[in-house]
Every structure is written in structure tokens, then in C-alpha cells.
Amino acid sequence: MDSCPVCKARYSGKRQCHRCKADIGMLADIEDDAASYREQAMAAYQAGDFSRMLDIAGRSCSLRKTPEAVRMMACAALLTRRFDVAMQIRNHMTAGKR
């Protein structure tokens, strides 16, 4: 999170916005969880457990759809021969570029 979603003040890493005092701790927790899932998905890749990688990358994407998480999920889909999932990801990514 780069800024407070309420007032757009620069995010200082605290659980409460320094400007508007909004409670943004839960959003920070969600971002931390998504990053943790991305790390777990990478560990599953390194262990060669591609189905676990797909499951965990999907969890990361469901919390915060970063380009890195989406690419990891697409790679995991290809590695597990889930071409239908890979195509859904591709179609979703290209739909926004039209």
C-alpha cells in the first residue's frame, strides 16, 4: 500500500493513517498475507510441488492481485497442465488492454 485509501496520504507503515486517523491496519494485514502466500508459492515451485504452487498463488491473487502474483499463478497453471486456468488468466489480463 503506497497511500491511505481514505485521504491518499503517504503510507507510513503504521496501522492508523497519520493524517486522517483511518484504521488501515486490516488492509496492511491483507497485503502482508498476500506477500506471504507469494513467498510460499515460490517455495512450492522450488520444491517442484506445482499443484501446491497453483493453490497458494491463487490465495495470493484473491487477497491482492499484483502482476507478480498473477504471473506466478499463470506459470503454476501451465506447470500443472491446467491450460483452462492459464487461458482464463491470459484473457483477464488482455481484456484490460483493449
C-alpha atoms as a PDB file:
ATOM      1  CA  MET A   1       0.000   0.000   0.000  1.00  0.00           C
ATOM      2  CA  ASP A   2       1.517   3.280  -1.089  1.00  0.00           C
ATOM      3  CA  SER A   3      -1.079   5.612   0.328  1.00  0.00           C
ATOM      4  CA  CYS A   4      -4.064   5.792   2.633  1.00  0.00           C
ATOM      5  CA  PRO A   5      -7.179   4.710   0.700  1.00  0.00           C
ATOM      6  CA  VAL A   6      -9.228   7.371   2.527  1.00  0.00           C
ATOM      7  CA  CYS A   7      -7.199  10.569   2.206  1.00  0.00           C
ATOM      8  CA  LYS A   8      -4.334   9.474  -0.095  1.00  0.00           C
ATOM      9  CA  ALA A   9      -1.638  10.474   2.416  1.00  0.00           C
ATOM     10  CA  ARG A  10       1.643   8.615   2.002  1.00  0.00           C
ATOM     11  CA  TYR A  11       1.522   5.293   3.880  1.00  0.00           C
ATOM     12  CA  SER A  12       3.868   5.417   6.850  1.00  0.00           C
ATOM     13  CA  GLY A  13       3.739   1.739   7.795  1.00  0.00           C
ATOM     14  CA  LYS A  14       1.540   2.340  10.821  1.00  0.00           C
ATOM     15  CA  ARG A  15      -1.887   0.827  11.465  1.00  0.00           C
ATOM     16  CA  GLN A  16      -3.511   4.257  11.552  1.00  0.00           C
ATOM     17  CA  CYS A  17      -3.168   6.986   8.934  1.00  0.00           C
ATOM     18  CA  HIS A  18      -1.118   9.863  10.285  1.00  0.00           C
ATOM     19  CA  ARG A  19      -3.296  12.422   8.506  1.00  0.00           C
ATOM     20  CA  CYS A  20      -6.943  11.299   8.740  1.00  0.00           C
ATOM     21  CA  LYS A  21      -6.543   8.690  11.509  1.00  0.00           C
ATOM     22  CA  ALA A  22      -8.319   5.992   9.470  1.00  0.00           C
ATOM     23  CA  ASP A  23      -7.716   2.444  10.686  1.00  0.00           C
ATOM     24  CA  ILE A  24      -5.769   0.855   7.817  1.00  0.00           C
ATOM     25  CA  GLY A  25      -4.271  -1.980   9.837  1.00  0.00           C
ATOM     26  CA  MET A  26      -6.540  -4.628   8.336  1.00  0.00           C
ATOM     27  CA  LEU A  27      -5.522  -3.599   4.803  1.00  0.00           C
ATOM     28  CA  ALA A  28      -1.866  -3.826   5.786  1.00  0.00           C
ATOM     29  CA  ASP A  29      -2.504  -7.302   7.224  1.00  0.00           C
ATOM     30  CA  ILE A  30      -4.108  -8.410   3.957  1.00  0.00           C
ATOM     31  CA  GLU A  31      -1.130  -7.151   1.961  1.00  0.00           C
ATOM     32  CA  ASP A  32       1.249  -8.950   4.325  1.00  0.00           C
ATOM     33  CA  ASP A  33      -0.738 -12.180   3.962  1.00  0.00           C
ATOM     34  CA  ALA A  34      -0.698 -11.872   0.166  1.00  0.00           C
ATOM     35  CA  ALA A  35       3.087 -11.380   0.204  1.00  0.00           C
ATOM     36  CA  SER A  36       3.479 -14.387   2.489  1.00  0.00           C
ATOM     37  CA  TYR A  37       1.431 -16.526   0.096  1.00  0.00           C
ATOM     38  CA  ARG A  38       3.617 -15.383  -2.815  1.00  0.00           C
ATOM     39  CA  GLU A  39       6.710 -16.477  -0.889  1.00  0.00           C
ATOM     40  CA  GLN A  40       5.089 -19.834  -0.081  1.00  0.00           C
ATOM     41  CA  ALA A  41       4.179 -20.300  -3.747  1.00  0.00           C
ATOM     42  CA  MET A  42       7.798 -19.646  -4.719  1.00  0.00           C
ATOM     43  CA  ALA A  43       8.949 -22.220  -2.153  1.00  0.00           C
ATOM     44  CA  ALA A  44       6.474 -24.732  -3.607  1.00  0.00           C
ATOM     45  CA  TYR A  45       7.898 -24.022  -7.077  1.00  0.00           C
ATOM     46  CA  GLN A  46      11.436 -24.602  -5.852  1.00  0.00           C
ATOM     47  CA  ALA A  47      10.294 -27.876  -4.256  1.00  0.00           C
ATOM     48  CA  GLY A  48       8.668 -28.939  -7.523  1.00  0.00           C
ATOM     49  CA  ASP A  49       5.182 -29.044  -5.956  1.00  0.00           C
ATOM     50  CA  PHE A  50       3.366 -27.234  -8.748  1.00  0.00           C
ATOM     51  CA  SER A  51      -0.200 -28.043  -7.631  1.00  0.00           C
ATOM     52  CA  ARG A  52       0.539 -26.539  -4.237  1.00  0.00           C
ATOM     53  CA  MET A  53       2.106 -23.573  -6.043  1.00  0.00           C
ATOM     54  CA  LEU A  54      -1.117 -23.070  -8.017  1.00  0.00           C
ATOM     55  CA  ASP A  55      -3.270 -23.261  -4.893  1.00  0.00           C
ATOM     56  CA  ILE A  56      -1.125 -20.824  -2.912  1.00  0.00           C
ATOM     57  CA  ALA A  57      -0.666 -18.387  -5.815  1.00  0.00           C
ATOM     58  CA  GLY A  58      -4.454 -18.360  -6.158  1.00  0.00           C
ATOM     59  CA  ARG A  59      -4.759 -17.417  -2.493  1.00  0.00           C
ATOM     60  CA  SER A  60      -2.302 -14.576  -3.004  1.00  0.00           C
ATOM     61  CA  CYS A  61      -4.242 -13.312  -6.031  1.00  0.00           C
ATOM     62  CA  SER A  62      -7.517 -13.470  -4.138  1.00  0.00           C
ATOM     63  CA  LEU A  63      -6.096 -11.140  -1.486  1.00  0.00           C
ATOM     64  CA  ARG A  64      -4.133  -8.763  -3.714  1.00  0.00           C
ATOM     65  CA  LYS A  65      -3.896  -9.175  -7.452  1.00  0.00           C
ATOM     66  CA  THR A  66      -0.374  -7.948  -8.154  1.00  0.00           C
ATOM     67  CA  PRO A  67       1.265  -8.578 -11.527  1.00  0.00           C
ATOM     68  CA  GLU A  68       3.793 -10.820  -9.787  1.00  0.00           C
ATOM     69  CA  ALA A  69       1.064 -12.952  -8.170  1.00  0.00           C
ATOM     70  CA  VAL A  70      -0.861 -13.249 -11.442  1.00  0.00           C
ATOM     71  CA  ARG A  71       2.266 -14.333 -13.352  1.00  0.00           C
ATOM     72  CA  MET A  72       3.060 -16.889 -10.669  1.00  0.00           C
ATOM     73  CA  MET A  73      -0.454 -18.285 -10.873  1.00  0.00           C
ATOM     74  CA  ALA A  74      -0.289 -18.454 -14.673  1.00  0.00           C
ATOM     75  CA  CYS A  75       3.060 -20.274 -14.543  1.00  0.00           C
ATOM     76  CA  ALA A  76       1.699 -22.707 -11.966  1.00  0.00           C
ATOM     77  CA  ALA A  77      -1.347 -23.340 -14.161  1.00  0.00           C
ATOM     78  CA  LEU A  78       0.908 -24.184 -17.102  1.00  0.00           C
ATOM     79  CA  LEU A  79       3.175 -26.387 -14.986  1.00  0.00           C
ATOM     80  CA  THR A  80       0.162 -28.361 -13.728  1.00  0.00           C
ATOM     81  CA  ARG A  81      -1.232 -28.565 -17.261  1.00  0.00           C
ATOM     82  CA  ARG A  82      -4.285 -26.543 -16.229  1.00  0.00           C
ATOM     83  CA  PHE A  83      -4.458 -24.817 -19.576  1.00  0.00           C
ATOM     84  CA  ASP A  84      -8.045 -23.696 -18.941  1.00  0.00           C
ATOM     85  CA  VAL A  85      -6.899 -21.704 -15.908  1.00  0.00           C
ATOM     86  CA  ALA A  86      -3.913 -20.299 -17.806  1.00  0.00           C
ATOM     87  CA  MET A  87      -6.233 -19.141 -20.601  1.00  0.00           C
ATOM     88  CA  GLN A  88      -8.628 -17.528 -18.120  1.00  0.00           C
ATOM     89  CA  ILE A  89      -5.723 -15.596 -16.629  1.00  0.00           C
ATOM     90  CA  ARG A  90      -4.490 -14.600 -20.070  1.00  0.00           C
ATOM     91  CA  ASN A  91      -7.942 -13.484 -21.183  1.00  0.00           C
ATOM     92  CA  HIS A  92      -8.426 -11.492 -17.995  1.00  0.00           C
ATOM     93  CA  MET A  93      -5.048  -9.783 -18.419  1.00  0.00           C
ATOM     94  CA  THR A  94      -5.608  -8.899 -22.071  1.00  0.00           C
ATOM     95  CA  ALA A  95      -9.199  -7.715 -21.525  1.00  0.00           C
ATOM     96  CA  GLY A  96      -7.960  -4.633 -19.694  1.00  0.00           C
ATOM     97  CA  LYS A  97      -5.637  -3.685 -22.562  1.00  0.00           C
ATOM     98  CA  ARG A  98      -8.374  -3.323 -25.174  1.00  0.00           C
END
